[in-house]
Structures are given as structure tokens and as C-alpha cells.
Amino acid sequence: MPTYLVHRYDAFSAAPERGNPAGVLLEAEGLSAETTQGTAAYADPKTTRVRQA
């Protein structure tokens, strides 16, 4: 099973673990909707997938 790195960012706070959490999955090109949705559900429902334009 592949492993994906999801970066966690805290919005609206300069302190870690204090803001609104958001996950970012970089380099999501070629990943199926099922894979990206599963990754988001595991990491944080507000995870953003980034694909090259």
C-alpha cells in the first residue's frame, strides 16, 4: 500500500496546534478520487489536494 505525505497547517494562528487545521496533499496528480478522499478522511476532512495545472 502506498504512503502519502500530508502536510498539516494551522490557519489563523502563529502557534502550532492552535489554529484551524488543514491538511495539504502535494503532488496528487494521477491519484484517484477514492485515494484522495481516503487520504483526506484519514488526515483531516478539510485536506486540499494539489495538482499541477
C-alpha atoms as a PDB file:
ATOM      1  CA  MET A   1       0.000   0.000   0.000  1.00  0.00           C
ATOM      2  CA  PRO A   2       1.481   3.388  -0.973  1.00  0.00           C
ATOM      3  CA  THR A   3       2.230   6.044   1.612  1.00  0.00           C
ATOM      4  CA  TYR A   4       1.331   9.715   1.079  1.00  0.00           C
ATOM      5  CA  LEU A   5       2.735  12.707   2.898  1.00  0.00           C
ATOM      6  CA  VAL A   6       0.021  15.094   4.074  1.00  0.00           C
ATOM      7  CA  HIS A   7       1.285  18.412   5.408  1.00  0.00           C
ATOM      8  CA  ARG A   8      -0.702  19.889   8.304  1.00  0.00           C
ATOM      9  CA  TYR A   9      -1.087  23.646   8.555  1.00  0.00           C
ATOM     10  CA  ASP A  10      -2.772  25.700  11.254  1.00  0.00           C
ATOM     11  CA  ALA A  11      -4.686  28.651   9.834  1.00  0.00           C
ATOM     12  CA  PHE A  12      -5.315  31.801  11.853  1.00  0.00           C
ATOM     13  CA  SER A  13      -2.582  31.070  14.412  1.00  0.00           C
ATOM     14  CA  ALA A  14       1.167  31.559  14.698  1.00  0.00           C
ATOM     15  CA  ALA A  15       1.376  28.776  17.287  1.00  0.00           C
ATOM     16  CA  PRO A  16       1.367  25.103  16.276  1.00  0.00           C
ATOM     17  CA  GLU A  17      -1.751  23.081  17.132  1.00  0.00           C
ATOM     18  CA  ARG A  18      -3.719  26.246  17.962  1.00  0.00           C
ATOM     19  CA  GLY A  19      -5.371  27.278  14.689  1.00  0.00           C
ATOM     20  CA  ASN A  20      -7.855  25.708  12.328  1.00  0.00           C
ATOM     21  CA  PRO A  21      -6.129  22.580  10.995  1.00  0.00           C
ATOM     22  CA  ALA A  22      -5.914  21.902   7.283  1.00  0.00           C
ATOM     23  CA  GLY A  23      -4.124  19.084   5.515  1.00  0.00           C
ATOM     24  CA  VAL A  24      -2.407  19.568   2.160  1.00  0.00           C
ATOM     25  CA  LEU A  25      -1.562  16.655  -0.113  1.00  0.00           C
ATOM     26  CA  LEU A  26       1.030  17.826  -2.644  1.00  0.00           C
ATOM     27  CA  GLU A  27       1.687  16.139  -5.967  1.00  0.00           C
ATOM     28  CA  ALA A  28      -1.721  14.500  -6.188  1.00  0.00           C
ATOM     29  CA  GLU A  29      -1.501  14.066  -9.974  1.00  0.00           C
ATOM     30  CA  GLY A  30      -2.749  10.693 -11.075  1.00  0.00           C
ATOM     31  CA  LEU A  31      -4.355   9.756  -7.768  1.00  0.00           C
ATOM     32  CA  SER A  32      -7.904   8.505  -7.987  1.00  0.00           C
ATOM     33  CA  ALA A  33     -10.776  10.311  -6.297  1.00  0.00           C
ATOM     34  CA  GLU A  34     -11.104   7.310  -3.979  1.00  0.00           C
ATOM     35  CA  THR A  35      -7.443   7.598  -2.901  1.00  0.00           C
ATOM     36  CA  THR A  36      -7.537  11.359  -2.316  1.00  0.00           C
ATOM     37  CA  GLN A  37     -10.832  11.135  -0.432  1.00  0.00           C
ATOM     38  CA  GLY A  38      -9.484   8.313   1.714  1.00  0.00           C
ATOM     39  CA  THR A  39      -6.335  10.299   2.477  1.00  0.00           C
ATOM     40  CA  ALA A  40      -8.432  13.342   3.398  1.00  0.00           C
ATOM     41  CA  ALA A  41     -10.686  11.279   5.652  1.00  0.00           C
ATOM     42  CA  TYR A  42      -7.645   9.879   7.451  1.00  0.00           C
ATOM     43  CA  ALA A  43      -5.712  13.160   7.781  1.00  0.00           C
ATOM     44  CA  ASP A  44      -8.388  15.818   8.064  1.00  0.00           C
ATOM     45  CA  PRO A  45     -11.683  16.295   6.215  1.00  0.00           C
ATOM     46  CA  LYS A  46     -10.522  19.737   5.092  1.00  0.00           C
ATOM     47  CA  THR A  47      -7.493  18.317   3.227  1.00  0.00           C
ATOM     48  CA  THR A  48      -6.646  20.050  -0.028  1.00  0.00           C
ATOM     49  CA  ARG A  49      -5.270  18.105  -2.967  1.00  0.00           C
ATOM     50  CA  VAL A  50      -2.767  19.981  -5.152  1.00  0.00           C
ATOM     51  CA  ARG A  51      -2.407  19.034  -8.801  1.00  0.00           C
ATOM     52  CA  GLN A  52      -0.183  20.654 -11.381  1.00  0.00           C
ATOM     53  CA  ALA A  53      -2.038  22.976 -13.749  1.00  0.00           C
END
